[in-house]
Amino acid sequence: MPEVVPLFSTPLVTFDVPDSAALNIELRRVIEQRMRSHPSTHKSNQGGWQSSWDMDRWGGVAAIKLLAHARNLANQMTTDHQGVVGKGPYPDHFAVTWIGNMWANVNRSGDANEFHSHPGAYWSGVYYVDDGGIAADPSLGGELEFLDPRGSVPLMNAPHLRMSGSLSAGATERVTPEAGKMVIFPAWMMHGVRPYRGGAERISIAFNLAV
C-alpha cells in the first residue's frame, strides 16, 4: 500500500467550550448593551454590527473567561521546534505570553464578512455565542470559510481532477457555526463569512493572539 504524507498541512482547531450555555447568556447581554450605545466599526464586515477591538476591556468577566479559554487552547496547539507543547514555565516546557484582543460581530439576514487575514497575530479565532439557527439548518448560510493558501494553483493544469486526499485543493473549506464552539487557525489564513440568510442574529466573538 502506498504511504501518503500530508506535507505542509494547516491546522484548523475546533473546541467545545465548557459551560458555554451560561457563558453565552452573559456574553449576549454585554454585546447587546454595547450595540445599543456604540456604532459599528467597518473593517471586513459587509453589513451587520462589529464592535471595537477591545472587548476584553468592556466585556466583563465573561469576555475575560472566554479569552482565557482561547489562550489555553493556543498553548495546547503551540510547540517549539522539538514538538514540546508550550504549557508554562516548567523545566521541560517553554512559556508563551499571548497578547490578546477580541471583538463582537452581529450578523442579520444578508450580512457577511469579506475575505481577510489578521497581520501581526499568530493565532486567530472565533467563538459562537448564537449560531442564528445555522447548526440546525445549514441552508441558512453564514459559514466560516477558508481559502486554500495555495490559491488556484492546484486547479490550473487539470481543473477536473483532484489528488487523492486533497479534494478541496484550490477551493475553499467551510465550518458551520455552532453555539459554544471555538475555532482557532493561523492568523495568516484568508477567511471570511458567507452571507447569513436566517431571521435571527448570528452572534460571534473574534479574537487574535500575538506573541
N, C-alpha and C. Protein backbone atom coordinates (compact mmCIF):
# COMPACT_ATOMS: atom_id res chain seq x y z
N MET A 1 0.84 -1.20 0.00
CA MET A 1 0.00 0.00 0.00
C MET A 1 0.87 1.25 0.00
N PRO A 2 0.54 2.24 -0.84
CA PRO A 2 1.32 3.48 -0.82
C PRO A 2 1.09 4.25 0.47
N GLU A 3 2.11 4.95 0.89
CA GLU A 3 2.01 5.80 2.09
C GLU A 3 1.82 7.24 1.66
N VAL A 4 0.80 7.90 2.21
CA VAL A 4 0.54 9.30 1.90
C VAL A 4 1.00 10.16 3.08
N VAL A 5 1.90 11.08 2.83
CA VAL A 5 2.41 12.00 3.86
C VAL A 5 1.81 13.38 3.60
N PRO A 6 0.98 13.89 4.51
CA PRO A 6 0.34 15.21 4.29
C PRO A 6 1.30 16.36 4.57
N LEU A 7 2.12 16.69 3.61
CA LEU A 7 3.10 17.75 3.77
C LEU A 7 2.45 19.12 3.93
N PHE A 8 3.03 19.95 4.78
CA PHE A 8 2.65 21.35 4.91
C PHE A 8 1.17 21.54 5.23
N SER A 9 0.64 20.68 6.09
CA SER A 9 -0.76 20.81 6.47
C SER A 9 -0.97 22.07 7.31
N THR A 10 -2.18 22.59 7.30
CA THR A 10 -2.54 23.81 8.02
C THR A 10 -3.52 23.47 9.14
N PRO A 11 -3.19 23.80 10.39
CA PRO A 11 -4.08 23.40 11.49
C PRO A 11 -5.34 24.26 11.58
N LEU A 12 -6.46 23.58 11.70
CA LEU A 12 -7.74 24.21 12.00
C LEU A 12 -8.28 23.48 13.23
N VAL A 13 -8.43 24.19 14.33
CA VAL A 13 -8.74 23.57 15.62
C VAL A 13 -10.13 23.99 16.07
N THR A 14 -10.97 23.03 16.43
CA THR A 14 -12.28 23.33 17.00
C THR A 14 -12.34 22.81 18.43
N PHE A 15 -13.09 23.51 19.27
CA PHE A 15 -13.14 23.19 20.69
C PHE A 15 -14.50 23.58 21.24
N ASP A 16 -15.14 22.65 21.95
CA ASP A 16 -16.41 22.95 22.60
C ASP A 16 -16.12 23.53 23.99
N VAL A 17 -16.42 24.80 24.16
CA VAL A 17 -16.12 25.49 25.42
C VAL A 17 -17.04 24.97 26.52
N PRO A 18 -16.50 24.56 27.67
CA PRO A 18 -17.34 24.05 28.75
C PRO A 18 -18.23 25.14 29.33
N ASP A 19 -19.41 24.74 29.80
CA ASP A 19 -20.38 25.66 30.42
C ASP A 19 -20.72 26.83 29.50
N SER A 20 -20.79 26.53 28.19
CA SER A 20 -21.00 27.60 27.21
C SER A 20 -22.39 28.22 27.30
N ALA A 21 -23.40 27.44 27.72
CA ALA A 21 -24.76 27.98 27.77
C ALA A 21 -24.84 29.18 28.71
N ALA A 22 -24.28 29.03 29.92
CA ALA A 22 -24.30 30.13 30.89
C ALA A 22 -23.40 31.27 30.41
N LEU A 23 -22.26 30.93 29.85
CA LEU A 23 -21.34 31.95 29.35
C LEU A 23 -21.99 32.77 28.25
N ASN A 24 -22.72 32.10 27.35
CA ASN A 24 -23.34 32.80 26.22
C ASN A 24 -24.43 33.77 26.65
N ILE A 25 -25.14 33.45 27.72
CA ILE A 25 -26.16 34.37 28.23
C ILE A 25 -25.53 35.70 28.62
N GLU A 26 -24.42 35.65 29.33
CA GLU A 26 -23.75 36.87 29.77
C GLU A 26 -23.08 37.59 28.61
N LEU A 27 -22.47 36.83 27.70
CA LEU A 27 -21.83 37.46 26.55
C LEU A 27 -22.86 38.17 25.68
N ARG A 28 -24.00 37.55 25.47
CA ARG A 28 -25.04 38.18 24.67
C ARG A 28 -25.52 39.48 25.33
N ARG A 29 -25.64 39.45 26.65
CA ARG A 29 -26.12 40.64 27.37
C ARG A 29 -25.17 41.82 27.16
N VAL A 30 -23.85 41.59 27.33
CA VAL A 30 -22.91 42.69 27.21
C VAL A 30 -22.78 43.15 25.77
N ILE A 31 -22.91 42.23 24.82
CA ILE A 31 -22.82 42.61 23.41
C ILE A 31 -24.03 43.46 23.01
N GLU A 32 -25.22 43.04 23.42
CA GLU A 32 -26.41 43.83 23.09
C GLU A 32 -26.37 45.21 23.75
N GLN A 33 -25.85 45.28 24.95
CA GLN A 33 -25.71 46.58 25.62
C GLN A 33 -24.74 47.47 24.86
N ARG A 34 -23.64 46.91 24.44
CA ARG A 34 -22.64 47.68 23.69
C ARG A 34 -23.19 48.11 22.34
N MET A 35 -23.95 47.26 21.69
CA MET A 35 -24.51 47.56 20.37
C MET A 35 -25.48 48.74 20.44
N ARG A 36 -26.20 48.85 21.57
CA ARG A 36 -27.14 49.97 21.72
C ARG A 36 -26.43 51.30 21.92
N SER A 37 -25.22 51.27 22.45
CA SER A 37 -24.54 52.51 22.82
C SER A 37 -23.39 52.90 21.90
N HIS A 38 -22.97 51.98 21.01
CA HIS A 38 -21.82 52.28 20.15
C HIS A 38 -22.13 51.87 18.71
N PRO A 39 -21.78 52.74 17.75
CA PRO A 39 -21.99 52.39 16.34
C PRO A 39 -21.03 51.29 15.89
N SER A 40 -21.32 50.69 14.76
CA SER A 40 -20.48 49.63 14.23
C SER A 40 -19.17 50.19 13.68
N THR A 41 -18.11 49.41 13.84
CA THR A 41 -16.90 49.69 13.09
C THR A 41 -17.06 49.09 11.69
N HIS A 42 -16.15 49.45 10.78
CA HIS A 42 -16.27 48.94 9.41
C HIS A 42 -14.89 48.44 8.97
N LYS A 43 -14.72 47.12 9.03
CA LYS A 43 -13.47 46.50 8.61
C LYS A 43 -13.78 45.46 7.54
N SER A 44 -13.86 44.19 7.92
CA SER A 44 -14.20 43.16 6.92
C SER A 44 -15.70 42.98 6.79
N ASN A 45 -16.48 43.54 7.71
CA ASN A 45 -17.92 43.28 7.73
C ASN A 45 -18.65 43.96 6.58
N GLN A 46 -19.52 43.20 5.96
CA GLN A 46 -20.41 43.71 4.91
C GLN A 46 -21.81 43.70 5.49
N GLY A 47 -22.19 44.82 6.07
CA GLY A 47 -23.41 44.90 6.85
C GLY A 47 -23.15 44.41 8.25
N GLY A 48 -24.20 44.30 9.03
CA GLY A 48 -24.05 43.82 10.39
C GLY A 48 -23.41 44.85 11.30
N TRP A 49 -23.16 44.42 12.54
CA TRP A 49 -22.54 45.30 13.54
C TRP A 49 -21.27 44.64 14.04
N GLN A 50 -20.20 45.42 14.09
CA GLN A 50 -18.93 44.94 14.63
C GLN A 50 -18.44 45.93 15.67
N SER A 51 -18.06 45.41 16.83
CA SER A 51 -17.61 46.27 17.92
C SER A 51 -16.18 46.72 17.69
N SER A 52 -15.72 47.62 18.55
CA SER A 52 -14.30 47.95 18.59
C SER A 52 -13.53 46.72 19.07
N TRP A 53 -12.22 46.72 18.84
CA TRP A 53 -11.40 45.53 19.08
C TRP A 53 -10.87 45.47 20.51
N ASP A 54 -11.63 45.96 21.46
CA ASP A 54 -11.18 45.96 22.86
C ASP A 54 -12.24 45.35 23.78
N MET A 55 -12.89 44.30 23.31
CA MET A 55 -13.95 43.69 24.10
C MET A 55 -13.44 43.15 25.43
N ASP A 56 -12.15 42.83 25.50
CA ASP A 56 -11.59 42.37 26.76
C ASP A 56 -11.65 43.47 27.83
N ARG A 57 -11.84 44.73 27.42
CA ARG A 57 -11.93 45.84 28.36
C ARG A 57 -13.37 46.14 28.77
N TRP A 58 -14.32 45.92 27.87
CA TRP A 58 -15.71 46.26 28.20
C TRP A 58 -16.62 45.05 28.33
N GLY A 59 -16.12 43.86 28.04
CA GLY A 59 -16.96 42.66 28.04
C GLY A 59 -17.13 41.99 29.39
N GLY A 60 -16.45 42.50 30.41
CA GLY A 60 -16.63 41.95 31.75
C GLY A 60 -16.00 40.58 31.96
N VAL A 61 -16.43 39.92 33.01
CA VAL A 61 -15.86 38.64 33.42
C VAL A 61 -16.02 37.58 32.33
N ALA A 62 -17.16 37.57 31.66
CA ALA A 62 -17.42 36.56 30.63
C ALA A 62 -16.41 36.66 29.49
N ALA A 63 -16.09 37.88 29.07
CA ALA A 63 -15.13 38.08 28.00
C ALA A 63 -13.74 37.64 28.42
N ILE A 64 -13.35 37.96 29.64
CA ILE A 64 -12.04 37.56 30.15
C ILE A 64 -11.95 36.03 30.23
N LYS A 65 -13.03 35.40 30.66
CA LYS A 65 -13.06 33.94 30.75
C LYS A 65 -12.92 33.31 29.36
N LEU A 66 -13.61 33.89 28.38
CA LEU A 66 -13.53 33.36 27.02
C LEU A 66 -12.11 33.50 26.47
N LEU A 67 -11.49 34.64 26.69
CA LEU A 67 -10.13 34.85 26.20
C LEU A 67 -9.15 33.90 26.90
N ALA A 68 -9.41 33.56 28.14
CA ALA A 68 -8.58 32.58 28.85
C ALA A 68 -8.69 31.21 28.20
N HIS A 69 -9.90 30.83 27.78
CA HIS A 69 -10.07 29.57 27.05
C HIS A 69 -9.26 29.59 25.76
N ALA A 70 -9.28 30.73 25.06
CA ALA A 70 -8.53 30.84 23.81
C ALA A 70 -7.03 30.72 24.06
N ARG A 71 -6.53 31.36 25.10
CA ARG A 71 -5.10 31.26 25.43
C ARG A 71 -4.72 29.82 25.79
N ASN A 72 -5.55 29.16 26.57
CA ASN A 72 -5.26 27.78 26.95
C ASN A 72 -5.24 26.86 25.72
N LEU A 73 -6.19 27.09 24.80
CA LEU A 73 -6.23 26.28 23.59
C LEU A 73 -4.99 26.53 22.73
N ALA A 74 -4.59 27.79 22.63
CA ALA A 74 -3.38 28.13 21.87
C ALA A 74 -2.15 27.47 22.49
N ASN A 75 -2.09 27.43 23.82
CA ASN A 75 -0.96 26.76 24.49
C ASN A 75 -0.89 25.29 24.12
N GLN A 76 -2.04 24.64 24.05
CA GLN A 76 -2.07 23.22 23.72
C GLN A 76 -1.67 22.96 22.27
N MET A 77 -1.91 23.95 21.41
CA MET A 77 -1.69 23.76 19.98
C MET A 77 -0.38 24.37 19.49
N THR A 78 0.46 24.86 20.39
CA THR A 78 1.70 25.53 20.00
C THR A 78 2.89 24.78 20.59
N THR A 79 3.89 24.51 19.78
CA THR A 79 5.07 23.79 20.24
C THR A 79 6.34 24.54 19.82
N ASP A 80 7.46 24.10 20.38
CA ASP A 80 8.74 24.59 19.86
C ASP A 80 9.18 23.68 18.71
N HIS A 81 10.41 23.87 18.23
CA HIS A 81 10.86 23.11 17.06
C HIS A 81 11.06 21.62 17.36
N GLN A 82 11.13 21.26 18.63
CA GLN A 82 11.25 19.86 19.00
C GLN A 82 9.89 19.22 19.26
N GLY A 83 8.82 19.99 19.11
CA GLY A 83 7.49 19.46 19.33
C GLY A 83 7.03 19.52 20.77
N VAL A 84 7.75 20.25 21.62
CA VAL A 84 7.36 20.39 23.02
C VAL A 84 6.23 21.39 23.13
N VAL A 85 5.16 21.02 23.82
CA VAL A 85 3.99 21.86 23.95
C VAL A 85 4.25 22.98 24.94
N GLY A 86 3.76 24.18 24.62
CA GLY A 86 4.00 25.34 25.47
C GLY A 86 2.97 25.47 26.57
N LYS A 87 3.17 24.77 27.68
CA LYS A 87 2.18 24.79 28.76
C LYS A 87 2.55 25.74 29.89
N GLY A 88 3.79 26.19 29.95
CA GLY A 88 4.13 27.11 31.02
C GLY A 88 5.60 27.06 31.38
N PRO A 89 6.00 27.82 32.38
CA PRO A 89 7.42 27.98 32.73
C PRO A 89 7.94 26.82 33.58
N TYR A 90 7.93 25.61 33.04
CA TYR A 90 8.45 24.44 33.73
C TYR A 90 9.76 24.03 33.09
N PRO A 91 10.57 23.21 33.76
CA PRO A 91 11.88 22.87 33.22
C PRO A 91 11.85 22.29 31.81
N ASP A 92 10.83 21.49 31.48
CA ASP A 92 10.79 20.85 30.17
C ASP A 92 9.72 21.45 29.26
N HIS A 93 9.25 22.64 29.57
CA HIS A 93 8.27 23.32 28.71
C HIS A 93 8.70 24.76 28.50
N PHE A 94 8.42 25.27 27.33
CA PHE A 94 8.68 26.68 27.08
C PHE A 94 7.42 27.49 27.41
N ALA A 95 7.58 28.75 27.64
CA ALA A 95 6.45 29.60 28.03
C ALA A 95 6.12 30.58 26.91
N VAL A 96 4.83 30.77 26.65
CA VAL A 96 4.38 31.76 25.68
C VAL A 96 3.45 32.73 26.39
N THR A 97 3.71 34.02 26.23
CA THR A 97 2.81 35.03 26.76
C THR A 97 1.98 35.56 25.60
N TRP A 98 0.69 35.22 25.59
CA TRP A 98 -0.18 35.60 24.49
C TRP A 98 -0.78 36.97 24.75
N ILE A 99 -0.57 37.89 23.81
CA ILE A 99 -1.21 39.21 23.86
C ILE A 99 -2.49 39.11 23.04
N GLY A 100 -3.64 39.27 23.71
CA GLY A 100 -4.91 39.04 23.04
C GLY A 100 -5.76 40.28 22.88
N ASN A 101 -6.55 40.30 21.85
CA ASN A 101 -7.62 41.28 21.71
C ASN A 101 -8.82 40.58 21.09
N MET A 102 -10.01 41.16 21.26
CA MET A 102 -11.23 40.48 20.83
C MET A 102 -12.31 41.50 20.48
N TRP A 103 -13.28 41.07 19.65
CA TRP A 103 -14.36 41.96 19.25
C TRP A 103 -15.59 41.13 18.91
N ALA A 104 -16.74 41.76 18.98
CA ALA A 104 -18.01 41.08 18.74
C ALA A 104 -18.54 41.39 17.35
N ASN A 105 -19.26 40.41 16.77
CA ASN A 105 -19.89 40.56 15.47
C ASN A 105 -21.34 40.10 15.55
N VAL A 106 -22.25 40.91 15.02
CA VAL A 106 -23.66 40.53 14.96
C VAL A 106 -24.11 40.64 13.50
N ASN A 107 -24.42 39.50 12.89
CA ASN A 107 -24.88 39.46 11.51
C ASN A 107 -26.35 39.09 11.46
N ARG A 108 -27.10 39.85 10.67
CA ARG A 108 -28.51 39.55 10.41
C ARG A 108 -28.64 39.15 8.94
N SER A 109 -29.84 38.96 8.47
CA SER A 109 -30.06 38.44 7.13
C SER A 109 -29.35 39.29 6.07
N GLY A 110 -28.54 38.63 5.25
CA GLY A 110 -27.81 39.30 4.18
C GLY A 110 -26.42 39.76 4.56
N ASP A 111 -26.09 39.75 5.85
CA ASP A 111 -24.78 40.23 6.30
C ASP A 111 -23.71 39.17 6.10
N ALA A 112 -22.47 39.63 5.88
CA ALA A 112 -21.35 38.73 5.63
C ALA A 112 -20.06 39.43 6.02
N ASN A 113 -18.95 38.72 5.86
CA ASN A 113 -17.62 39.30 6.05
C ASN A 113 -16.74 38.88 4.88
N GLU A 114 -16.09 39.86 4.26
CA GLU A 114 -15.25 39.57 3.11
C GLU A 114 -13.97 38.85 3.55
N PHE A 115 -13.28 38.25 2.60
CA PHE A 115 -12.05 37.52 2.92
C PHE A 115 -10.98 38.48 3.42
N HIS A 116 -10.26 38.04 4.46
CA HIS A 116 -9.22 38.87 5.06
C HIS A 116 -8.31 37.98 5.90
N SER A 117 -7.20 38.52 6.33
CA SER A 117 -6.32 37.86 7.28
C SER A 117 -6.06 38.84 8.43
N HIS A 118 -5.27 38.41 9.43
CA HIS A 118 -5.04 39.24 10.61
C HIS A 118 -3.54 39.46 10.81
N PRO A 119 -2.93 40.38 10.06
CA PRO A 119 -1.50 40.63 10.19
C PRO A 119 -1.14 41.02 11.63
N GLY A 120 0.02 40.54 12.06
CA GLY A 120 0.51 40.88 13.40
C GLY A 120 0.15 39.86 14.46
N ALA A 121 -0.78 38.95 14.17
CA ALA A 121 -1.18 37.93 15.13
C ALA A 121 -0.53 36.59 14.75
N TYR A 122 -0.53 35.66 15.71
CA TYR A 122 -0.02 34.30 15.48
C TYR A 122 -1.20 33.35 15.26
N TRP A 123 -2.11 33.29 16.24
CA TRP A 123 -3.38 32.58 16.11
C TRP A 123 -4.52 33.59 15.99
N SER A 124 -5.53 33.26 15.23
CA SER A 124 -6.79 33.99 15.23
C SER A 124 -7.90 32.98 15.49
N GLY A 125 -9.06 33.48 15.88
CA GLY A 125 -10.14 32.54 16.15
C GLY A 125 -11.49 33.21 16.25
N VAL A 126 -12.50 32.37 16.42
CA VAL A 126 -13.87 32.85 16.56
C VAL A 126 -14.59 31.94 17.54
N TYR A 127 -15.51 32.53 18.28
CA TYR A 127 -16.35 31.78 19.20
C TYR A 127 -17.80 32.16 18.90
N TYR A 128 -18.69 31.15 18.89
CA TYR A 128 -20.08 31.41 18.53
C TYR A 128 -20.97 31.50 19.78
N VAL A 129 -21.51 32.70 19.96
CA VAL A 129 -22.45 32.95 21.06
C VAL A 129 -23.85 32.46 20.66
N ASP A 130 -24.24 32.75 19.43
CA ASP A 130 -25.53 32.32 18.89
C ASP A 130 -25.32 32.04 17.41
N ASP A 131 -25.60 30.81 16.99
CA ASP A 131 -25.37 30.47 15.58
C ASP A 131 -26.50 30.88 14.66
N GLY A 132 -27.54 31.52 15.21
CA GLY A 132 -28.64 32.02 14.38
C GLY A 132 -29.46 30.92 13.72
N GLY A 133 -29.37 29.70 14.27
CA GLY A 133 -30.11 28.58 13.69
C GLY A 133 -29.37 27.82 12.62
N ILE A 134 -28.12 28.20 12.33
CA ILE A 134 -27.37 27.58 11.23
C ILE A 134 -27.04 26.13 11.53
N ALA A 135 -26.70 25.83 12.79
CA ALA A 135 -26.33 24.45 13.13
C ALA A 135 -27.48 23.49 12.83
N ALA A 136 -28.70 23.93 13.05
CA ALA A 136 -29.87 23.08 12.80
C ALA A 136 -30.29 23.11 11.33
N ASP A 137 -29.98 24.20 10.64
CA ASP A 137 -30.40 24.36 9.25
C ASP A 137 -29.26 24.99 8.44
N PRO A 138 -28.32 24.18 7.93
CA PRO A 138 -27.17 24.72 7.20
C PRO A 138 -27.53 25.54 5.97
N SER A 139 -28.77 25.41 5.48
CA SER A 139 -29.16 26.20 4.31
C SER A 139 -29.21 27.70 4.61
N LEU A 140 -29.14 28.07 5.89
CA LEU A 140 -29.16 29.49 6.27
C LEU A 140 -27.85 30.18 5.96
N GLY A 141 -26.82 29.43 5.57
CA GLY A 141 -25.53 30.04 5.24
C GLY A 141 -24.78 30.47 6.48
N GLY A 142 -24.01 31.57 6.36
CA GLY A 142 -23.29 32.10 7.50
C GLY A 142 -22.09 31.29 7.93
N GLU A 143 -21.58 30.37 7.07
CA GLU A 143 -20.43 29.55 7.44
C GLU A 143 -19.15 30.38 7.46
N LEU A 144 -18.22 29.94 8.31
CA LEU A 144 -16.86 30.46 8.29
C LEU A 144 -16.14 29.76 7.13
N GLU A 145 -15.53 30.54 6.24
CA GLU A 145 -14.97 29.98 5.00
C GLU A 145 -13.49 30.30 4.90
N PHE A 146 -12.69 29.29 4.52
CA PHE A 146 -11.24 29.43 4.40
C PHE A 146 -10.80 29.18 2.97
N LEU A 147 -9.90 30.04 2.48
CA LEU A 147 -9.30 29.86 1.16
C LEU A 147 -8.09 28.95 1.27
N ASP A 148 -7.92 28.07 0.28
CA ASP A 148 -6.69 27.30 0.18
C ASP A 148 -5.52 28.28 0.07
N PRO A 149 -4.53 28.22 0.99
CA PRO A 149 -3.42 29.19 0.94
C PRO A 149 -2.58 29.07 -0.33
N ARG A 150 -2.73 27.97 -1.07
CA ARG A 150 -2.02 27.83 -2.35
C ARG A 150 -2.74 28.54 -3.48
N GLY A 151 -3.88 29.13 -3.18
CA GLY A 151 -4.64 29.80 -4.21
C GLY A 151 -5.20 28.82 -5.23
N SER A 152 -5.24 29.23 -6.47
CA SER A 152 -5.82 28.40 -7.53
C SER A 152 -4.81 27.47 -8.18
N VAL A 153 -3.56 27.48 -7.69
CA VAL A 153 -2.50 26.69 -8.34
C VAL A 153 -2.88 25.22 -8.54
N PRO A 154 -3.46 24.52 -7.52
CA PRO A 154 -3.77 23.10 -7.73
C PRO A 154 -4.78 22.83 -8.84
N LEU A 155 -5.51 23.85 -9.29
CA LEU A 155 -6.54 23.65 -10.29
C LEU A 155 -6.12 24.08 -11.69
N MET A 156 -4.96 24.72 -11.81
CA MET A 156 -4.64 25.38 -13.07
C MET A 156 -4.44 24.41 -14.23
N ASN A 157 -3.77 23.28 -14.00
CA ASN A 157 -3.43 22.39 -15.10
C ASN A 157 -4.57 21.47 -15.49
N ALA A 158 -5.28 20.93 -14.49
CA ALA A 158 -6.38 20.00 -14.77
C ALA A 158 -7.50 20.25 -13.77
N PRO A 159 -8.31 21.26 -14.03
CA PRO A 159 -9.33 21.65 -13.05
C PRO A 159 -10.39 20.59 -12.78
N HIS A 160 -10.47 19.56 -13.64
CA HIS A 160 -11.46 18.50 -13.43
C HIS A 160 -10.92 17.38 -12.54
N LEU A 161 -9.66 17.45 -12.11
CA LEU A 161 -9.06 16.40 -11.32
C LEU A 161 -8.69 16.89 -9.92
N ARG A 162 -8.59 15.92 -8.98
CA ARG A 162 -8.12 16.20 -7.62
C ARG A 162 -7.10 15.12 -7.26
N MET A 163 -6.11 15.48 -6.46
CA MET A 163 -5.18 14.50 -5.93
C MET A 163 -5.82 13.81 -4.74
N SER A 164 -5.60 12.52 -4.60
CA SER A 164 -6.19 11.76 -3.51
C SER A 164 -5.88 12.40 -2.16
N GLY A 165 -6.93 12.58 -1.35
CA GLY A 165 -6.75 13.17 -0.03
C GLY A 165 -6.75 14.68 -0.03
N SER A 166 -7.01 15.31 -1.17
CA SER A 166 -6.99 16.77 -1.25
C SER A 166 -8.11 17.25 -2.17
N LEU A 167 -9.35 16.88 -1.81
CA LEU A 167 -10.48 17.13 -2.69
C LEU A 167 -10.84 18.60 -2.81
N SER A 168 -10.49 19.42 -1.82
CA SER A 168 -10.84 20.85 -1.89
C SER A 168 -9.66 21.71 -2.34
N ALA A 169 -8.61 21.09 -2.85
CA ALA A 169 -7.43 21.85 -3.28
C ALA A 169 -7.81 22.93 -4.27
N GLY A 170 -7.32 24.12 -4.02
CA GLY A 170 -7.59 25.25 -4.90
C GLY A 170 -8.95 25.88 -4.70
N ALA A 171 -9.70 25.38 -3.73
CA ALA A 171 -11.05 25.91 -3.50
C ALA A 171 -11.15 26.42 -2.05
N THR A 172 -12.25 26.16 -1.39
CA THR A 172 -12.44 26.63 -0.02
C THR A 172 -12.94 25.50 0.87
N GLU A 173 -12.78 25.69 2.17
CA GLU A 173 -13.37 24.81 3.17
C GLU A 173 -14.25 25.67 4.07
N ARG A 174 -15.37 25.09 4.53
CA ARG A 174 -16.31 25.85 5.35
C ARG A 174 -16.54 25.16 6.69
N VAL A 175 -16.70 25.97 7.72
CA VAL A 175 -17.02 25.47 9.07
C VAL A 175 -18.40 26.00 9.44
N THR A 176 -19.29 25.11 9.84
CA THR A 176 -20.64 25.50 10.22
C THR A 176 -20.66 26.02 11.65
N PRO A 177 -21.16 27.22 11.89
CA PRO A 177 -21.23 27.76 13.25
C PRO A 177 -22.09 26.90 14.16
N GLU A 178 -21.72 26.86 15.42
CA GLU A 178 -22.49 26.15 16.43
C GLU A 178 -22.27 26.84 17.76
N ALA A 179 -23.33 27.24 18.43
CA ALA A 179 -23.21 27.95 19.70
C ALA A 179 -22.35 27.15 20.67
N GLY A 180 -21.36 27.82 21.28
CA GLY A 180 -20.47 27.18 22.22
C GLY A 180 -19.19 26.65 21.62
N LYS A 181 -19.06 26.72 20.28
CA LYS A 181 -17.87 26.20 19.60
C LYS A 181 -16.84 27.31 19.41
N MET A 182 -15.58 26.98 19.66
CA MET A 182 -14.46 27.88 19.39
C MET A 182 -13.64 27.28 18.26
N VAL A 183 -13.19 28.12 17.34
CA VAL A 183 -12.34 27.72 16.23
C VAL A 183 -11.10 28.60 16.22
N ILE A 184 -9.92 27.98 16.19
CA ILE A 184 -8.70 28.78 16.03
C ILE A 184 -7.93 28.30 14.81
N PHE A 185 -7.15 29.21 14.22
CA PHE A 185 -6.43 28.92 12.98
C PHE A 185 -5.28 29.92 12.86
N PRO A 186 -4.28 29.62 12.02
CA PRO A 186 -3.18 30.57 11.83
C PRO A 186 -3.71 31.90 11.31
N ALA A 187 -3.20 32.99 11.88
CA ALA A 187 -3.74 34.32 11.56
C ALA A 187 -3.52 34.70 10.11
N TRP A 188 -2.57 34.03 9.43
CA TRP A 188 -2.32 34.38 8.03
C TRP A 188 -3.34 33.77 7.07
N MET A 189 -4.15 32.85 7.53
CA MET A 189 -5.12 32.21 6.64
C MET A 189 -6.20 33.19 6.19
N MET A 190 -6.44 33.26 4.90
CA MET A 190 -7.51 34.10 4.39
C MET A 190 -8.85 33.43 4.72
N HIS A 191 -9.73 34.21 5.33
CA HIS A 191 -11.02 33.66 5.76
C HIS A 191 -12.10 34.73 5.65
N GLY A 192 -13.33 34.29 5.58
CA GLY A 192 -14.47 35.20 5.52
C GLY A 192 -15.70 34.51 6.06
N VAL A 193 -16.82 35.19 6.00
CA VAL A 193 -18.10 34.63 6.47
C VAL A 193 -19.10 34.71 5.33
N ARG A 194 -19.71 33.58 4.99
CA ARG A 194 -20.73 33.54 3.96
C ARG A 194 -21.96 34.33 4.40
N PRO A 195 -22.73 34.88 3.46
CA PRO A 195 -23.93 35.64 3.83
C PRO A 195 -24.90 34.78 4.66
N TYR A 196 -25.39 35.39 5.74
CA TYR A 196 -26.36 34.73 6.60
C TYR A 196 -27.76 35.00 6.05
N ARG A 197 -28.61 33.97 5.98
CA ARG A 197 -29.94 34.10 5.39
C ARG A 197 -31.06 33.81 6.38
N GLY A 198 -30.74 33.75 7.66
CA GLY A 198 -31.76 33.46 8.66
C GLY A 198 -32.49 34.70 9.13
N GLY A 199 -33.47 34.48 10.00
CA GLY A 199 -34.27 35.58 10.51
C GLY A 199 -33.91 35.98 11.92
N ALA A 200 -32.85 35.38 12.47
CA ALA A 200 -32.43 35.70 13.84
C ALA A 200 -31.14 36.52 13.79
N GLU A 201 -30.28 36.36 14.77
CA GLU A 201 -28.98 37.04 14.80
C GLU A 201 -27.88 35.99 14.95
N ARG A 202 -26.88 36.11 14.11
CA ARG A 202 -25.68 35.28 14.20
C ARG A 202 -24.66 36.09 14.99
N ILE A 203 -24.39 35.69 16.23
CA ILE A 203 -23.52 36.46 17.12
C ILE A 203 -22.23 35.67 17.36
N SER A 204 -21.12 36.31 17.06
CA SER A 204 -19.83 35.67 17.27
C SER A 204 -18.85 36.65 17.90
N ILE A 205 -17.80 36.09 18.46
CA ILE A 205 -16.71 36.89 19.02
C ILE A 205 -15.43 36.43 18.37
N ALA A 206 -14.72 37.35 17.72
CA ALA A 206 -13.44 37.04 17.09
C ALA A 206 -12.32 37.51 17.99
N PHE A 207 -11.16 36.88 17.84
CA PHE A 207 -10.01 37.27 18.69
C PHE A 207 -8.70 36.99 17.96
N ASN A 208 -7.68 37.69 18.39
CA ASN A 208 -6.31 37.49 17.93
C ASN A 208 -5.42 37.20 19.12
N LEU A 209 -4.42 36.36 18.91
CA LEU A 209 -3.41 36.08 19.91
C LEU A 209 -2.04 36.31 19.27
N ALA A 210 -1.31 37.27 19.79
CA ALA A 210 0.03 37.58 19.30
C ALA A 210 1.05 37.21 20.38
N VAL A 211 2.28 36.97 19.95
CA VAL A 211 3.35 36.60 20.89
C VAL A 211 4.01 37.88 21.39
